[in-house]
Amino acid sequence: MSCSGHGHAHDHEHEAAERGAEYSLYTKIDTVHVDCLNEAEDNSAAGVFKPWDRRLDTDQFVESDVDEELLFRIPFTGDVKLKGFIVIGGEGERHPSEVQEPTGNDV
């Protein structure tokens, strides 16, 4: 399939990114029970999970209070299959340099 305007031809592997709202797990996150260790402002962690159409909104964010680590516990309302996630950081050094995802057995 030709991908006009992109200067390349291939099967559309990037369609998933373009259809992000369809694959969003936002409605499956139990935001009331999201927990974050080291957050500077209590309960700010839940606010960073947003619907697809607000994913670039930077009004709500979470910052660490003591060190460079933020440890999130993100409960879901049911079984989910995590295929990927988006982390949007701030300017300069205000973004994650590493992300670790524990499996269900590690939680």
N, C-alpha and C. Protein backbone atom coordinates (compact mmCIF):
# COMPACT_ATOMS: atom_id res chain seq x y z
N MET A 1 0.84 -1.17 0.00
CA MET A 1 0.00 0.00 0.00
C MET A 1 0.88 1.22 0.00
N SER A 2 0.63 2.15 -0.86
CA SER A 2 1.42 3.37 -0.95
C SER A 2 0.99 4.34 0.15
N CYS A 3 1.95 5.04 0.70
CA CYS A 3 1.68 6.00 1.76
C CYS A 3 2.03 7.38 1.23
N SER A 4 1.12 7.96 0.45
CA SER A 4 1.40 9.22 -0.21
C SER A 4 1.60 10.33 0.80
N GLY A 5 2.51 11.23 0.46
CA GLY A 5 2.80 12.35 1.33
C GLY A 5 3.86 12.05 2.36
N HIS A 6 4.17 10.77 2.57
CA HIS A 6 5.21 10.42 3.53
C HIS A 6 6.52 10.07 2.84
N GLY A 7 6.51 9.95 1.53
CA GLY A 7 7.73 9.63 0.80
C GLY A 7 8.18 8.20 0.94
N HIS A 8 7.27 7.30 1.30
CA HIS A 8 7.64 5.89 1.39
C HIS A 8 6.42 5.03 1.09
N ALA A 9 6.69 3.79 0.72
CA ALA A 9 5.60 2.85 0.45
C ALA A 9 5.82 1.61 1.30
N HIS A 10 4.78 1.17 1.95
CA HIS A 10 4.86 -0.02 2.79
C HIS A 10 3.48 -0.34 3.32
N ASP A 11 3.37 -1.49 4.01
CA ASP A 11 2.15 -1.77 4.75
C ASP A 11 2.09 -0.78 5.91
N HIS A 12 0.95 -0.34 6.30
CA HIS A 12 0.83 0.73 7.28
C HIS A 12 1.04 0.27 8.71
N GLU A 13 2.28 0.11 9.12
CA GLU A 13 2.59 -0.24 10.50
C GLU A 13 2.32 0.92 11.43
N HIS A 14 2.38 2.15 10.95
CA HIS A 14 2.16 3.29 11.82
C HIS A 14 0.69 3.63 11.97
N GLU A 15 -0.20 2.83 11.44
CA GLU A 15 -1.63 3.07 11.61
C GLU A 15 -2.04 3.00 13.07
N ALA A 16 -1.39 2.15 13.86
CA ALA A 16 -1.75 2.03 15.27
C ALA A 16 -1.59 3.36 15.99
N ALA A 17 -0.52 4.09 15.71
CA ALA A 17 -0.32 5.40 16.33
C ALA A 17 -1.38 6.38 15.88
N GLU A 18 -1.78 6.30 14.64
CA GLU A 18 -2.80 7.20 14.12
C GLU A 18 -4.18 6.86 14.67
N ARG A 19 -4.37 5.65 15.16
CA ARG A 19 -5.66 5.21 15.69
C ARG A 19 -5.57 5.04 17.20
N GLY A 20 -4.78 5.90 17.85
CA GLY A 20 -4.52 5.78 19.28
C GLY A 20 -5.76 5.79 20.15
N ALA A 21 -6.75 6.60 19.82
CA ALA A 21 -7.97 6.66 20.65
C ALA A 21 -8.66 5.31 20.70
N GLU A 22 -8.59 4.60 19.60
CA GLU A 22 -9.23 3.28 19.52
C GLU A 22 -8.55 2.28 20.46
N TYR A 23 -7.23 2.44 20.66
CA TYR A 23 -6.46 1.51 21.48
C TYR A 23 -6.20 2.02 22.89
N SER A 24 -6.74 3.17 23.24
CA SER A 24 -6.45 3.79 24.53
C SER A 24 -6.95 2.94 25.70
N LEU A 25 -6.12 2.82 26.72
CA LEU A 25 -6.50 2.10 27.94
C LEU A 25 -7.02 3.06 29.01
N TYR A 26 -7.14 4.32 28.68
CA TYR A 26 -7.56 5.32 29.66
C TYR A 26 -8.82 4.91 30.42
N THR A 27 -9.81 4.40 29.71
CA THR A 27 -11.06 4.02 30.37
C THR A 27 -10.91 2.79 31.25
N LYS A 28 -9.80 2.08 31.12
CA LYS A 28 -9.56 0.88 31.92
C LYS A 28 -8.70 1.16 33.15
N ILE A 29 -8.19 2.41 33.30
CA ILE A 29 -7.35 2.75 34.45
C ILE A 29 -8.25 3.15 35.62
N ASP A 30 -8.00 2.53 36.76
CA ASP A 30 -8.74 2.84 37.98
C ASP A 30 -8.06 4.06 38.62
N THR A 31 -8.34 5.26 38.09
CA THR A 31 -7.62 6.47 38.47
C THR A 31 -7.77 6.81 39.96
N VAL A 32 -8.86 6.41 40.58
CA VAL A 32 -9.06 6.67 42.01
C VAL A 32 -7.99 5.97 42.84
N HIS A 33 -7.51 4.83 42.35
CA HIS A 33 -6.54 4.04 43.11
C HIS A 33 -5.12 4.09 42.55
N VAL A 34 -4.85 4.99 41.60
CA VAL A 34 -3.48 5.17 41.12
C VAL A 34 -2.65 5.67 42.29
N ASP A 35 -1.45 5.12 42.42
CA ASP A 35 -0.57 5.51 43.52
C ASP A 35 0.80 5.83 42.94
N CYS A 36 1.48 6.78 43.55
CA CYS A 36 2.81 7.15 43.08
C CYS A 36 3.68 7.48 44.27
N LEU A 37 4.80 6.81 44.38
CA LEU A 37 5.76 7.11 45.43
C LEU A 37 6.68 8.24 44.95
N ASN A 38 7.01 9.13 45.84
CA ASN A 38 7.91 10.26 45.61
C ASN A 38 7.25 11.43 44.89
N GLU A 39 5.94 11.46 44.76
CA GLU A 39 5.31 12.60 44.11
C GLU A 39 5.35 13.80 45.05
N ALA A 40 5.70 14.97 44.50
CA ALA A 40 5.82 16.18 45.31
C ALA A 40 4.45 16.66 45.80
N GLU A 41 3.43 16.56 44.98
CA GLU A 41 2.08 16.99 45.35
C GLU A 41 1.20 15.74 45.47
N ASP A 42 0.65 15.52 46.64
CA ASP A 42 -0.20 14.35 46.86
C ASP A 42 -1.31 14.24 45.82
N ASN A 43 -1.51 13.04 45.34
CA ASN A 43 -2.58 12.70 44.39
C ASN A 43 -2.46 13.39 43.03
N SER A 44 -1.29 13.87 42.69
CA SER A 44 -1.11 14.48 41.36
C SER A 44 -0.90 13.42 40.28
N ALA A 45 -0.52 12.22 40.67
CA ALA A 45 -0.21 11.17 39.70
C ALA A 45 -1.40 10.77 38.84
N ALA A 46 -2.57 10.68 39.43
CA ALA A 46 -3.76 10.24 38.68
C ALA A 46 -4.09 11.22 37.56
N GLY A 47 -3.75 12.49 37.73
CA GLY A 47 -4.07 13.50 36.73
C GLY A 47 -3.27 13.42 35.45
N VAL A 48 -2.19 12.64 35.45
CA VAL A 48 -1.37 12.55 34.24
C VAL A 48 -1.92 11.54 33.24
N PHE A 49 -2.89 10.74 33.66
CA PHE A 49 -3.53 9.79 32.76
C PHE A 49 -4.73 10.48 32.13
N LYS A 50 -4.70 10.60 30.82
CA LYS A 50 -5.69 11.41 30.11
C LYS A 50 -6.25 10.67 28.91
N PRO A 51 -7.43 11.09 28.47
CA PRO A 51 -7.96 10.51 27.23
C PRO A 51 -7.05 10.89 26.06
N TRP A 52 -7.11 10.11 25.01
CA TRP A 52 -6.22 10.28 23.84
C TRP A 52 -6.22 11.71 23.31
N ASP A 53 -7.38 12.33 23.24
CA ASP A 53 -7.46 13.67 22.66
C ASP A 53 -6.84 14.75 23.56
N ARG A 54 -6.52 14.41 24.82
CA ARG A 54 -5.87 15.36 25.73
C ARG A 54 -4.46 14.94 26.07
N ARG A 55 -3.91 13.98 25.35
CA ARG A 55 -2.60 13.42 25.71
C ARG A 55 -1.47 14.45 25.68
N LEU A 56 -1.58 15.50 24.91
CA LEU A 56 -0.52 16.51 24.83
C LEU A 56 -0.76 17.69 25.78
N ASP A 57 -1.83 17.64 26.55
CA ASP A 57 -2.12 18.68 27.53
C ASP A 57 -1.13 18.57 28.68
N THR A 58 -0.38 19.65 28.94
CA THR A 58 0.65 19.61 29.98
C THR A 58 0.22 20.35 31.25
N ASP A 59 -1.07 20.68 31.38
CA ASP A 59 -1.52 21.38 32.57
C ASP A 59 -1.39 20.53 33.83
N GLN A 60 -1.60 19.24 33.71
CA GLN A 60 -1.46 18.34 34.84
C GLN A 60 -0.20 17.51 34.66
N PHE A 61 0.62 17.47 35.70
CA PHE A 61 1.88 16.73 35.64
C PHE A 61 2.22 16.26 37.04
N VAL A 62 3.22 15.42 37.13
CA VAL A 62 3.68 14.95 38.44
C VAL A 62 5.20 15.14 38.50
N GLU A 63 5.66 15.61 39.66
CA GLU A 63 7.09 15.82 39.89
C GLU A 63 7.51 15.05 41.13
N SER A 64 8.76 14.66 41.15
CA SER A 64 9.31 13.96 42.30
C SER A 64 9.69 14.95 43.39
N ASP A 65 9.51 14.52 44.64
CA ASP A 65 9.83 15.41 45.75
C ASP A 65 11.22 15.19 46.33
N VAL A 66 11.78 14.00 46.20
CA VAL A 66 13.03 13.73 46.90
C VAL A 66 14.17 13.28 46.00
N ASP A 67 13.89 12.54 45.00
CA ASP A 67 14.97 12.07 44.13
C ASP A 67 14.46 12.01 42.70
N GLU A 68 15.18 11.36 41.84
CA GLU A 68 14.82 11.34 40.42
C GLU A 68 13.81 10.27 40.05
N GLU A 69 13.36 9.48 41.02
CA GLU A 69 12.46 8.37 40.70
C GLU A 69 11.02 8.67 41.07
N LEU A 70 10.13 8.28 40.18
CA LEU A 70 8.70 8.24 40.46
C LEU A 70 8.27 6.80 40.26
N LEU A 71 7.63 6.23 41.23
CA LEU A 71 7.21 4.84 41.15
C LEU A 71 5.68 4.79 41.13
N PHE A 72 5.12 4.50 39.97
CA PHE A 72 3.68 4.45 39.78
C PHE A 72 3.14 3.04 39.99
N ARG A 73 1.98 2.96 40.62
CA ARG A 73 1.20 1.73 40.63
C ARG A 73 -0.10 2.09 39.94
N ILE A 74 -0.35 1.46 38.81
CA ILE A 74 -1.49 1.79 37.96
C ILE A 74 -2.44 0.60 37.91
N PRO A 75 -3.48 0.61 38.72
CA PRO A 75 -4.43 -0.51 38.69
C PRO A 75 -5.42 -0.35 37.54
N PHE A 76 -5.82 -1.45 36.98
CA PHE A 76 -6.80 -1.47 35.90
C PHE A 76 -8.11 -2.04 36.42
N THR A 77 -9.19 -1.71 35.76
CA THR A 77 -10.51 -2.17 36.19
C THR A 77 -10.82 -3.59 35.72
N GLY A 78 -9.95 -4.15 34.91
CA GLY A 78 -10.11 -5.51 34.40
C GLY A 78 -8.82 -5.95 33.73
N ASP A 79 -8.88 -7.09 33.08
CA ASP A 79 -7.70 -7.59 32.37
C ASP A 79 -7.43 -6.71 31.16
N VAL A 80 -6.16 -6.39 30.93
CA VAL A 80 -5.76 -5.60 29.77
C VAL A 80 -4.54 -6.24 29.13
N LYS A 81 -4.34 -5.93 27.88
CA LYS A 81 -3.15 -6.35 27.17
C LYS A 81 -2.40 -5.08 26.79
N LEU A 82 -1.30 -4.84 27.47
CA LEU A 82 -0.52 -3.63 27.25
C LEU A 82 0.41 -3.85 26.07
N LYS A 83 0.18 -3.08 25.02
CA LYS A 83 1.02 -3.18 23.81
C LYS A 83 2.04 -2.06 23.75
N GLY A 84 1.80 -1.00 24.47
CA GLY A 84 2.72 0.13 24.48
C GLY A 84 2.15 1.25 25.33
N PHE A 85 2.95 2.24 25.59
CA PHE A 85 2.48 3.41 26.31
C PHE A 85 3.29 4.62 25.90
N ILE A 86 2.75 5.79 26.16
CA ILE A 86 3.39 7.04 25.78
C ILE A 86 3.75 7.78 27.06
N VAL A 87 4.99 8.22 27.14
CA VAL A 87 5.45 9.05 28.24
C VAL A 87 5.89 10.37 27.63
N ILE A 88 5.29 11.45 28.10
CA ILE A 88 5.66 12.77 27.59
C ILE A 88 6.29 13.53 28.73
N GLY A 89 7.54 13.94 28.54
CA GLY A 89 8.26 14.66 29.57
C GLY A 89 8.35 16.14 29.27
N GLY A 90 8.98 16.85 30.17
CA GLY A 90 9.14 18.29 30.02
C GLY A 90 10.42 18.65 29.28
N GLU A 91 10.72 19.92 29.33
CA GLU A 91 11.90 20.46 28.67
C GLU A 91 13.17 20.09 29.43
N GLY A 92 14.29 20.10 28.73
CA GLY A 92 15.58 19.86 29.36
C GLY A 92 15.66 18.52 30.06
N GLU A 93 15.98 18.56 31.33
CA GLU A 93 16.13 17.34 32.14
C GLU A 93 14.83 16.91 32.79
N ARG A 94 13.72 17.49 32.42
CA ARG A 94 12.44 17.21 33.07
C ARG A 94 11.66 16.14 32.33
N HIS A 95 12.30 15.01 32.11
CA HIS A 95 11.67 13.89 31.43
C HIS A 95 12.34 12.61 31.89
N PRO A 96 11.66 11.49 31.76
CA PRO A 96 12.26 10.22 32.18
C PRO A 96 13.43 9.83 31.29
N SER A 97 14.46 9.29 31.90
CA SER A 97 15.57 8.75 31.12
C SER A 97 15.45 7.24 31.02
N GLU A 98 14.58 6.66 31.84
CA GLU A 98 14.39 5.21 31.84
C GLU A 98 12.99 4.89 32.34
N VAL A 99 12.39 3.86 31.77
CA VAL A 99 11.08 3.39 32.19
C VAL A 99 11.18 1.88 32.35
N GLN A 100 10.68 1.37 33.47
CA GLN A 100 10.63 -0.07 33.68
C GLN A 100 9.19 -0.48 33.88
N GLU A 101 8.81 -1.55 33.25
CA GLU A 101 7.45 -2.06 33.38
C GLU A 101 7.49 -3.45 34.00
N PRO A 102 7.02 -3.57 35.25
CA PRO A 102 6.98 -4.91 35.84
C PRO A 102 5.86 -5.72 35.23
N THR A 103 6.04 -7.00 35.18
CA THR A 103 4.97 -7.87 34.71
C THR A 103 3.98 -8.09 35.85
N GLY A 104 2.86 -8.70 35.55
CA GLY A 104 1.86 -8.98 36.58
C GLY A 104 2.41 -9.75 37.75
N ASN A 105 3.43 -10.57 37.49
CA ASN A 105 4.02 -11.38 38.56
C ASN A 105 4.92 -10.56 39.48
N ASP A 106 5.40 -9.40 39.00
CA ASP A 106 6.31 -8.58 39.78
C ASP A 106 5.59 -7.62 40.71
N VAL A 107 4.29 -7.49 40.52
CA VAL A 107 3.53 -6.49 41.27
C VAL A 107 3.15 -6.99 42.63
